[in-house]
């Protein structure tokens, strides 16, 4: 699992799109007074354990605000 607290923009020389995941879910929870948003992906339909999470990414409130701002600037500006 990864908890992201900062994000840096880079330029990529090679851009490849990945296959779609079989399933993705999210949850919101609090721990030690801090609220978190977590996304879990479950791999491709060909994966042996399609019920088992393959990637997890977690944001706290501060980073979530930064991410929303970045997405707005990149897609709607």
PDB file of N, CA and C in Angstrom:
ATOM      1  N   UNK A   1       0.837  -1.169   0.000  1.00  0.00           N
ATOM      2  CA  UNK A   1       0.000   0.000   0.000  1.00  0.00           C
ATOM      3  C   UNK A   1       0.882   1.232   0.000  1.00  0.00           C
ATOM      4  N   UNK A   2       0.382   2.287  -0.607  1.00  0.00           N
ATOM      5  CA  UNK A   2       1.126   3.540  -0.646  1.00  0.00           C
ATOM      6  C   UNK A   2       0.273   4.666  -0.091  1.00  0.00           C
ATOM      7  N   UNK A   3       0.851   5.434   0.815  1.00  0.00           N
ATOM      8  CA  UNK A   3       0.207   6.658   1.300  1.00  0.00           C
ATOM      9  C   UNK A   3       0.967   7.810   0.679  1.00  0.00           C
ATOM     10  N   UNK A   4       0.310   8.529  -0.196  1.00  0.00           N
ATOM     11  CA  UNK A   4       0.950   9.616  -0.929  1.00  0.00           C
ATOM     12  C   UNK A   4       0.782  10.915  -0.158  1.00  0.00           C
ATOM     13  N   UNK A   5       1.900  11.632   0.032  1.00  0.00           N
ATOM     14  CA  UNK A   5       1.852  12.921   0.723  1.00  0.00           C
ATOM     15  C   UNK A   5       2.338  14.063  -0.162  1.00  0.00           C
ATOM     16  N   UNK A   6       3.083  13.750  -1.218  1.00  0.00           N
ATOM     17  CA  UNK A   6       3.515  14.769  -2.178  1.00  0.00           C
ATOM     18  C   UNK A   6       3.473  14.169  -3.581  1.00  0.00           C
ATOM     19  N   UNK A   7       3.402  15.041  -4.560  1.00  0.00           N
ATOM     20  CA  UNK A   7       3.327  14.597  -5.946  1.00  0.00           C
ATOM     21  C   UNK A   7       4.121  15.569  -6.804  1.00  0.00           C
ATOM     22  N   UNK A   8       4.916  15.031  -7.712  1.00  0.00           N
ATOM     23  CA  UNK A   8       5.756  15.847  -8.581  1.00  0.00           C
ATOM     24  C   UNK A   8       5.441  15.509 -10.036  1.00  0.00           C
ATOM     25  N   UNK A   9       5.257  16.531 -10.859  1.00  0.00           N
ATOM     26  CA  UNK A   9       4.970  16.324 -12.274  1.00  0.00           C
ATOM     27  C   UNK A   9       6.268  16.056 -13.026  1.00  0.00           C
ATOM     28  N   UNK A  10       6.232  15.058 -13.899  1.00  0.00           N
ATOM     29  CA  UNK A  10       7.368  14.750 -14.774  1.00  0.00           C
ATOM     30  C   UNK A  10       6.855  14.610 -16.198  1.00  0.00           C
ATOM     31  N   UNK A  11       7.755  14.676 -17.148  1.00  0.00           N
ATOM     32  CA  UNK A  11       7.430  14.426 -18.548  1.00  0.00           C
ATOM     33  C   UNK A  11       7.922  13.024 -18.881  1.00  0.00           C
ATOM     34  N   UNK A  12       7.079  12.238 -19.526  1.00  0.00           N
ATOM     35  CA  UNK A  12       7.455  10.872 -19.890  1.00  0.00           C
ATOM     36  C   UNK A  12       7.740  10.792 -21.380  1.00  0.00           C
ATOM     37  N   UNK A  13       8.762  10.039 -21.738  1.00  0.00           N
ATOM     38  CA  UNK A  13       9.113   9.851 -23.148  1.00  0.00           C
ATOM     39  C   UNK A  13       8.214   8.820 -23.809  1.00  0.00           C
ATOM     40  N   UNK A  14       7.777   7.860 -23.034  1.00  0.00           N
ATOM     41  CA  UNK A  14       7.011   6.738 -23.570  1.00  0.00           C
ATOM     42  C   UNK A  14       5.713   6.600 -22.774  1.00  0.00           C
ATOM     43  N   UNK A  15       4.595   6.803 -23.419  1.00  0.00           N
ATOM     44  CA  UNK A  15       3.306   6.749 -22.742  1.00  0.00           C
ATOM     45  C   UNK A  15       2.497   5.563 -23.264  1.00  0.00           C
ATOM     46  N   UNK A  16       2.275   4.606 -22.393  1.00  0.00           N
ATOM     47  CA  UNK A  16       1.518   3.402 -22.745  1.00  0.00           C
ATOM     48  C   UNK A  16       0.324   3.308 -21.808  1.00  0.00           C
ATOM     49  N   UNK A  17      -0.842   3.037 -22.359  1.00  0.00           N
ATOM     50  CA  UNK A  17      -1.998   2.831 -21.497  1.00  0.00           C
ATOM     51  C   UNK A  17      -2.054   1.366 -21.087  1.00  0.00           C
ATOM     52  N   UNK A  18      -2.460   1.140 -19.865  1.00  0.00           N
ATOM     53  CA  UNK A  18      -2.542  -0.210 -19.325  1.00  0.00           C
ATOM     54  C   UNK A  18      -3.925  -0.800 -19.578  1.00  0.00           C
ATOM     55  N   UNK A  19      -4.039  -2.117 -19.429  1.00  0.00           N
ATOM     56  CA  UNK A  19      -5.340  -2.770 -19.521  1.00  0.00           C
ATOM     57  C   UNK A  19      -6.220  -2.300 -18.370  1.00  0.00           C
ATOM     58  N   UNK A  20      -7.523  -2.400 -18.568  1.00  0.00           N
ATOM     59  CA  UNK A  20      -8.461  -2.032 -17.512  1.00  0.00           C
ATOM     60  C   UNK A  20      -8.383  -3.043 -16.384  1.00  0.00           C
ATOM     61  N   UNK A  21      -8.610  -2.559 -15.176  1.00  0.00           N
ATOM     62  CA  UNK A  21      -8.640  -3.469 -14.032  1.00  0.00           C
ATOM     63  C   UNK A  21     -10.004  -4.151 -13.973  1.00  0.00           C
ATOM     64  N   UNK A  22     -10.033  -5.277 -13.321  1.00  0.00           N
ATOM     65  CA  UNK A  22     -11.265  -6.050 -13.163  1.00  0.00           C
ATOM     66  C   UNK A  22     -12.267  -5.281 -12.309  1.00  0.00           C
ATOM     67  N   UNK A  23     -11.750  -4.643 -11.272  1.00  0.00           N
ATOM     68  CA  UNK A  23     -12.623  -3.972 -10.309  1.00  0.00           C
ATOM     69  C   UNK A  23     -11.794  -2.957  -9.533  1.00  0.00           C
ATOM     70  N   UNK A  24     -12.427  -1.858  -9.145  1.00  0.00           N
ATOM     71  CA  UNK A  24     -11.798  -0.877  -8.264  1.00  0.00           C
ATOM     72  C   UNK A  24     -12.838  -0.440  -7.242  1.00  0.00           C
ATOM     73  N   UNK A  25     -12.389  -0.246  -6.018  1.00  0.00           N
ATOM     74  CA  UNK A  25     -13.281   0.196  -4.945  1.00  0.00           C
ATOM     75  C   UNK A  25     -12.612   1.344  -4.194  1.00  0.00           C
ATOM     76  N   UNK A  26     -13.399   2.048  -3.408  1.00  0.00           N
ATOM     77  CA  UNK A  26     -12.816   3.053  -2.530  1.00  0.00           C
ATOM     78  C   UNK A  26     -13.504   2.996  -1.183  1.00  0.00           C
ATOM     79  N   UNK A  27     -12.803   3.482  -0.191  1.00  0.00           N
ATOM     80  CA  UNK A  27     -13.389   3.594   1.145  1.00  0.00           C
ATOM     81  C   UNK A  27     -12.859   4.861   1.793  1.00  0.00           C
ATOM     82  N   UNK A  28     -13.594   5.326   2.764  1.00  0.00           N
ATOM     83  CA  UNK A  28     -13.202   6.485   3.554  1.00  0.00           C
ATOM     84  C   UNK A  28     -13.231   6.046   5.005  1.00  0.00           C
ATOM     85  N   UNK A  29     -12.179   6.379   5.742  1.00  0.00           N
ATOM     86  CA  UNK A  29     -12.131   5.987   7.146  1.00  0.00           C
ATOM     87  C   UNK A  29     -11.317   6.997   7.933  1.00  0.00           C
ATOM     88  N   UNK A  30     -11.439   6.926   9.232  1.00  0.00           N
ATOM     89  CA  UNK A  30     -10.659   7.776  10.124  1.00  0.00           C
ATOM     90  C   UNK A  30      -9.769   6.915  10.996  1.00  0.00           C
ATOM     91  N   UNK A  31      -8.568   7.414  11.228  1.00  0.00           N
ATOM     92  CA  UNK A  31      -7.630   6.750  12.126  1.00  0.00           C
ATOM     93  C   UNK A  31      -6.861   7.837  12.867  1.00  0.00           C
ATOM     94  N   UNK A  32      -6.829   7.740  14.175  1.00  0.00           N
ATOM     95  CA  UNK A  32      -6.129   8.715  15.019  1.00  0.00           C
ATOM     96  C   UNK A  32      -6.554  10.145  14.701  1.00  0.00           C
ATOM     97  N   UNK A  33      -7.838  10.356  14.431  1.00  0.00           N
ATOM     98  CA  UNK A  33      -8.371  11.686  14.167  1.00  0.00           C
ATOM     99  C   UNK A  33      -8.136  12.204  12.766  1.00  0.00           C
ATOM    100  N   UNK A  34      -7.504  11.430  11.909  1.00  0.00           N
ATOM    101  CA  UNK A  34      -7.221  11.832  10.525  1.00  0.00           C
ATOM    102  C   UNK A  34      -8.134  11.062   9.585  1.00  0.00           C
ATOM    103  N   UNK A  35      -8.725  11.759   8.608  1.00  0.00           N
ATOM    104  CA  UNK A  35      -9.612  11.141   7.635  1.00  0.00           C
ATOM    105  C   UNK A  35      -8.810  10.742   6.401  1.00  0.00           C
ATOM    106  N   UNK A  36      -9.085   9.555   5.845  1.00  0.00           N
ATOM    107  CA  UNK A  36      -8.375   9.030   4.685  1.00  0.00           C
ATOM    108  C   UNK A  36      -9.345   8.577   3.604  1.00  0.00           C
ATOM    109  N   UNK A  37      -8.866   8.665   2.365  1.00  0.00           N
ATOM    110  CA  UNK A  37      -9.569   8.162   1.187  1.00  0.00           C
ATOM    111  C   UNK A  37      -8.652   7.111   0.584  1.00  0.00           C
ATOM    112  N   UNK A  38      -9.150   5.895   0.383  1.00  0.00           N
ATOM    113  CA  UNK A  38      -8.317   4.808  -0.138  1.00  0.00           C
ATOM    114  C   UNK A  38      -8.959   4.199  -1.369  1.00  0.00           C
ATOM    115  N   UNK A  39      -8.145   3.959  -2.406  1.00  0.00           N
ATOM    116  CA  UNK A  39      -8.571   3.280  -3.629  1.00  0.00           C
ATOM    117  C   UNK A  39      -7.862   1.938  -3.686  1.00  0.00           C
ATOM    118  N   UNK A  40      -8.613   0.880  -3.966  1.00  0.00           N
ATOM    119  CA  UNK A  40      -8.058  -0.464  -4.130  1.00  0.00           C
ATOM    120  C   UNK A  40      -8.402  -0.950  -5.531  1.00  0.00           C
ATOM    121  N   UNK A  41      -7.424  -1.546  -6.223  1.00  0.00           N
ATOM    122  CA  UNK A  41      -7.696  -2.174  -7.512  1.00  0.00           C
ATOM    123  C   UNK A  41      -7.491  -3.675  -7.378  1.00  0.00           C
ATOM    124  N   UNK A  42      -8.173  -4.434  -8.227  1.00  0.00           N
ATOM    125  CA  UNK A  42      -8.213  -5.883  -8.075  1.00  0.00           C
ATOM    126  C   UNK A  42      -7.687  -6.647  -9.286  1.00  0.00           C
ATOM    127  N   UNK A  43      -6.982  -5.996 -10.175  1.00  0.00           N
ATOM    128  CA  UNK A  43      -6.330  -6.697 -11.278  1.00  0.00           C
ATOM    129  C   UNK A  43      -7.247  -6.991 -12.450  1.00  0.00           C
ATOM    130  N   UNK A  44      -6.678  -7.654 -13.428  1.00  0.00           N
ATOM    131  CA  UNK A  44      -7.408  -7.963 -14.659  1.00  0.00           C
ATOM    132  C   UNK A  44      -8.302  -9.187 -14.466  1.00  0.00           C
ATOM    133  N   UNK A  45      -9.263  -9.390 -15.358  1.00  0.00           N
ATOM    134  CA  UNK A  45     -10.126 -10.578 -15.267  1.00  0.00           C
ATOM    135  C   UNK A  45      -9.343 -11.882 -15.392  1.00  0.00           C
ATOM    136  N   UNK A  46      -8.137 -11.842 -15.958  1.00  0.00           N
ATOM    137  CA  UNK A  46      -7.315 -13.044 -16.121  1.00  0.00           C
ATOM    138  C   UNK A  46      -6.515 -13.394 -14.870  1.00  0.00           C
ATOM    139  N   UNK A  47      -6.540 -12.535 -13.892  1.00  0.00           N
ATOM    140  CA  UNK A  47      -5.780 -12.772 -12.665  1.00  0.00           C
ATOM    141  C   UNK A  47      -6.354 -13.963 -11.902  1.00  0.00           C
ATOM    142  N   UNK A  48      -5.477 -14.740 -11.308  1.00  0.00           N
ATOM    143  CA  UNK A  48      -5.904 -15.937 -10.596  1.00  0.00           C
ATOM    144  C   UNK A  48      -6.806 -15.609  -9.403  1.00  0.00           C
ATOM    145  N   UNK A  49      -6.414 -14.649  -8.586  1.00  0.00           N
ATOM    146  CA  UNK A  49      -7.211 -14.241  -7.424  1.00  0.00           C
ATOM    147  C   UNK A  49      -7.862 -12.889  -7.697  1.00  0.00           C
ATOM    148  N   UNK A  50      -8.962 -12.864  -8.436  1.00  0.00           N
ATOM    149  CA  UNK A  50      -9.597 -11.594  -8.807  1.00  0.00           C
ATOM    150  C   UNK A  50     -10.227 -10.886  -7.613  1.00  0.00           C
ATOM    151  N   UNK A  51     -10.435 -11.583  -6.509  1.00  0.00           N
ATOM    152  CA  UNK A  51     -11.026 -10.992  -5.310  1.00  0.00           C
ATOM    153  C   UNK A  51      -9.991 -10.293  -4.441  1.00  0.00           C
ATOM    154  N   UNK A  52      -8.710 -10.562  -4.676  1.00  0.00           N
ATOM    155  CA  UNK A  52      -7.634 -10.035  -3.838  1.00  0.00           C
ATOM    156  C   UNK A  52      -7.123  -8.709  -4.392  1.00  0.00           C
ATOM    157  N   UNK A  53      -7.018  -7.722  -3.521  1.00  0.00           N
ATOM    158  CA  UNK A  53      -6.541  -6.406  -3.923  1.00  0.00           C
ATOM    159  C   UNK A  53      -5.109  -6.485  -4.431  1.00  0.00           C
ATOM    160  N   UNK A  54      -4.834  -5.783  -5.549  1.00  0.00           N
ATOM    161  CA  UNK A  54      -3.480  -5.798  -6.093  1.00  0.00           C
ATOM    162  C   UNK A  54      -2.735  -4.489  -5.824  1.00  0.00           C
ATOM    163  N   UNK A  55      -3.428  -3.370  -5.810  1.00  0.00           N
ATOM    164  CA  UNK A  55      -2.824  -2.081  -5.478  1.00  0.00           C
ATOM    165  C   UNK A  55      -3.748  -1.326  -4.535  1.00  0.00           C
ATOM    166  N   UNK A  56      -3.134  -0.582  -3.627  1.00  0.00           N
ATOM    167  CA  UNK A  56      -3.873   0.288  -2.720  1.00  0.00           C
ATOM    168  C   UNK A  56      -3.168   1.637  -2.719  1.00  0.00           C
ATOM    169  N   UNK A  57      -3.959   2.679  -2.752  1.00  0.00           N
ATOM    170  CA  UNK A  57      -3.390   4.019  -2.675  1.00  0.00           C
ATOM    171  C   UNK A  57      -4.250   4.820  -1.707  1.00  0.00           C
ATOM    172  N   UNK A  58      -3.587   5.538  -0.815  1.00  0.00           N
ATOM    173  CA  UNK A  58      -4.306   6.223   0.263  1.00  0.00           C
ATOM    174  C   UNK A  58      -3.902   7.689   0.316  1.00  0.00           C
ATOM    175  N   UNK A  59      -4.918   8.561   0.515  1.00  0.00           N
ATOM    176  CA  UNK A  59      -4.684  10.005   0.606  1.00  0.00           C
ATOM    177  C   UNK A  59      -5.235  10.519   1.931  1.00  0.00           C
ATOM    178  N   UNK A  60      -4.511  11.449   2.544  1.00  0.00           N
ATOM    179  CA  UNK A  60      -5.080  12.167   3.672  1.00  0.00           C
ATOM    180  C   UNK A  60      -5.793  13.410   3.128  1.00  0.00           C
ATOM    181  N   UNK A  61      -6.427  14.163   3.998  1.00  0.00           N
ATOM    182  CA  UNK A  61      -7.217  15.333   3.578  1.00  0.00           C
ATOM    183  C   UNK A  61      -6.353  16.350   2.840  1.00  0.00           C
ATOM    184  N   UNK A  62      -5.172  16.644   3.358  1.00  0.00           N
ATOM    185  CA  UNK A  62      -4.298  17.644   2.745  1.00  0.00           C
ATOM    186  C   UNK A  62      -3.919  17.246   1.318  1.00  0.00           C
ATOM    187  N   UNK A  63      -3.510  15.995   1.130  1.00  0.00           N
ATOM    188  CA  UNK A  63      -3.121  15.568  -0.210  1.00  0.00           C
ATOM    189  C   UNK A  63      -4.335  15.476  -1.132  1.00  0.00           C
ATOM    190  N   UNK A  64      -5.474  15.068  -0.622  1.00  0.00           N
ATOM    191  CA  UNK A  64      -6.679  14.996  -1.454  1.00  0.00           C
ATOM    192  C   UNK A  64      -7.013  16.364  -2.046  1.00  0.00           C
ATOM    193  N   UNK A  65      -6.887  17.412  -1.253  1.00  0.00           N
ATOM    194  CA  UNK A  65      -7.133  18.771  -1.761  1.00  0.00           C
ATOM    195  C   UNK A  65      -6.138  19.124  -2.863  1.00  0.00           C
ATOM    196  N   UNK A  66      -4.864  18.751  -2.666  1.00  0.00           N
ATOM    197  CA  UNK A  66      -3.850  19.020  -3.678  1.00  0.00           C
ATOM    198  C   UNK A  66      -4.146  18.254  -4.967  1.00  0.00           C
ATOM    199  N   UNK A  67      -4.552  17.005  -4.843  1.00  0.00           N
ATOM    200  CA  UNK A  67      -4.861  16.193  -6.011  1.00  0.00           C
ATOM    201  C   UNK A  67      -6.050  16.754  -6.784  1.00  0.00           C
ATOM    202  N   UNK A  68      -7.092  17.156  -6.091  1.00  0.00           N
ATOM    203  CA  UNK A  68      -8.261  17.751  -6.762  1.00  0.00           C
ATOM    204  C   UNK A  68      -7.840  18.999  -7.525  1.00  0.00           C
ATOM    205  N   UNK A  69      -7.023  19.823  -6.921  1.00  0.00           N
ATOM    206  CA  UNK A  69      -6.542  21.039  -7.586  1.00  0.00           C
ATOM    207  C   UNK A  69      -5.732  20.700  -8.836  1.00  0.00           C
ATOM    208  N   UNK A  70      -4.841  19.717  -8.744  1.00  0.00           N
ATOM    209  CA  UNK A  70      -4.055  19.294  -9.909  1.00  0.00           C
ATOM    210  C   UNK A  70      -4.953  18.771 -11.032  1.00  0.00           C
ATOM    211  N   UNK A  71      -5.930  17.966 -10.689  1.00  0.00           N
ATOM    212  CA  UNK A  71      -6.833  17.420 -11.712  1.00  0.00           C
ATOM    213  C   UNK A  71      -7.635  18.516 -12.399  1.00  0.00           C
ATOM    214  N   UNK A  72      -8.128  19.463 -11.639  1.00  0.00           N
ATOM    215  CA  UNK A  72      -8.856  20.593 -12.232  1.00  0.00           C
ATOM    216  C   UNK A  72      -7.952  21.377 -13.165  1.00  0.00           C
ATOM    217  N   UNK A  73      -6.732  21.652 -12.730  1.00  0.00           N
ATOM    218  CA  UNK A  73      -5.798  22.427 -13.576  1.00  0.00           C
ATOM    219  C   UNK A  73      -5.411  21.665 -14.842  1.00  0.00           C
ATOM    220  N   UNK A  74      -5.238  20.375 -14.769  1.00  0.00           N
ATOM    221  CA  UNK A  74      -4.792  19.600 -15.923  1.00  0.00           C
ATOM    222  C   UNK A  74      -5.920  19.293 -16.915  1.00  0.00           C
ATOM    223  N   UNK A  75      -7.140  19.087 -16.433  1.00  0.00           N
ATOM    224  CA  UNK A  75      -8.233  18.678 -17.315  1.00  0.00           C
ATOM    225  C   UNK A  75      -9.196  19.805 -17.692  1.00  0.00           C
ATOM    226  N   UNK A  76      -9.295  20.858 -16.900  1.00  0.00           N
ATOM    227  CA  UNK A  76     -10.297  21.877 -17.161  1.00  0.00           C
ATOM    228  C   UNK A  76      -9.722  23.282 -17.260  1.00  0.00           C
ATOM    229  N   UNK A  77      -8.439  23.416 -17.411  1.00  0.00           N
ATOM    230  CA  UNK A  77      -7.849  24.762 -17.547  1.00  0.00           C
ATOM    231  C   UNK A  77      -7.343  24.962 -18.955  1.00  0.00           C
TER     232      UNK A  77
END
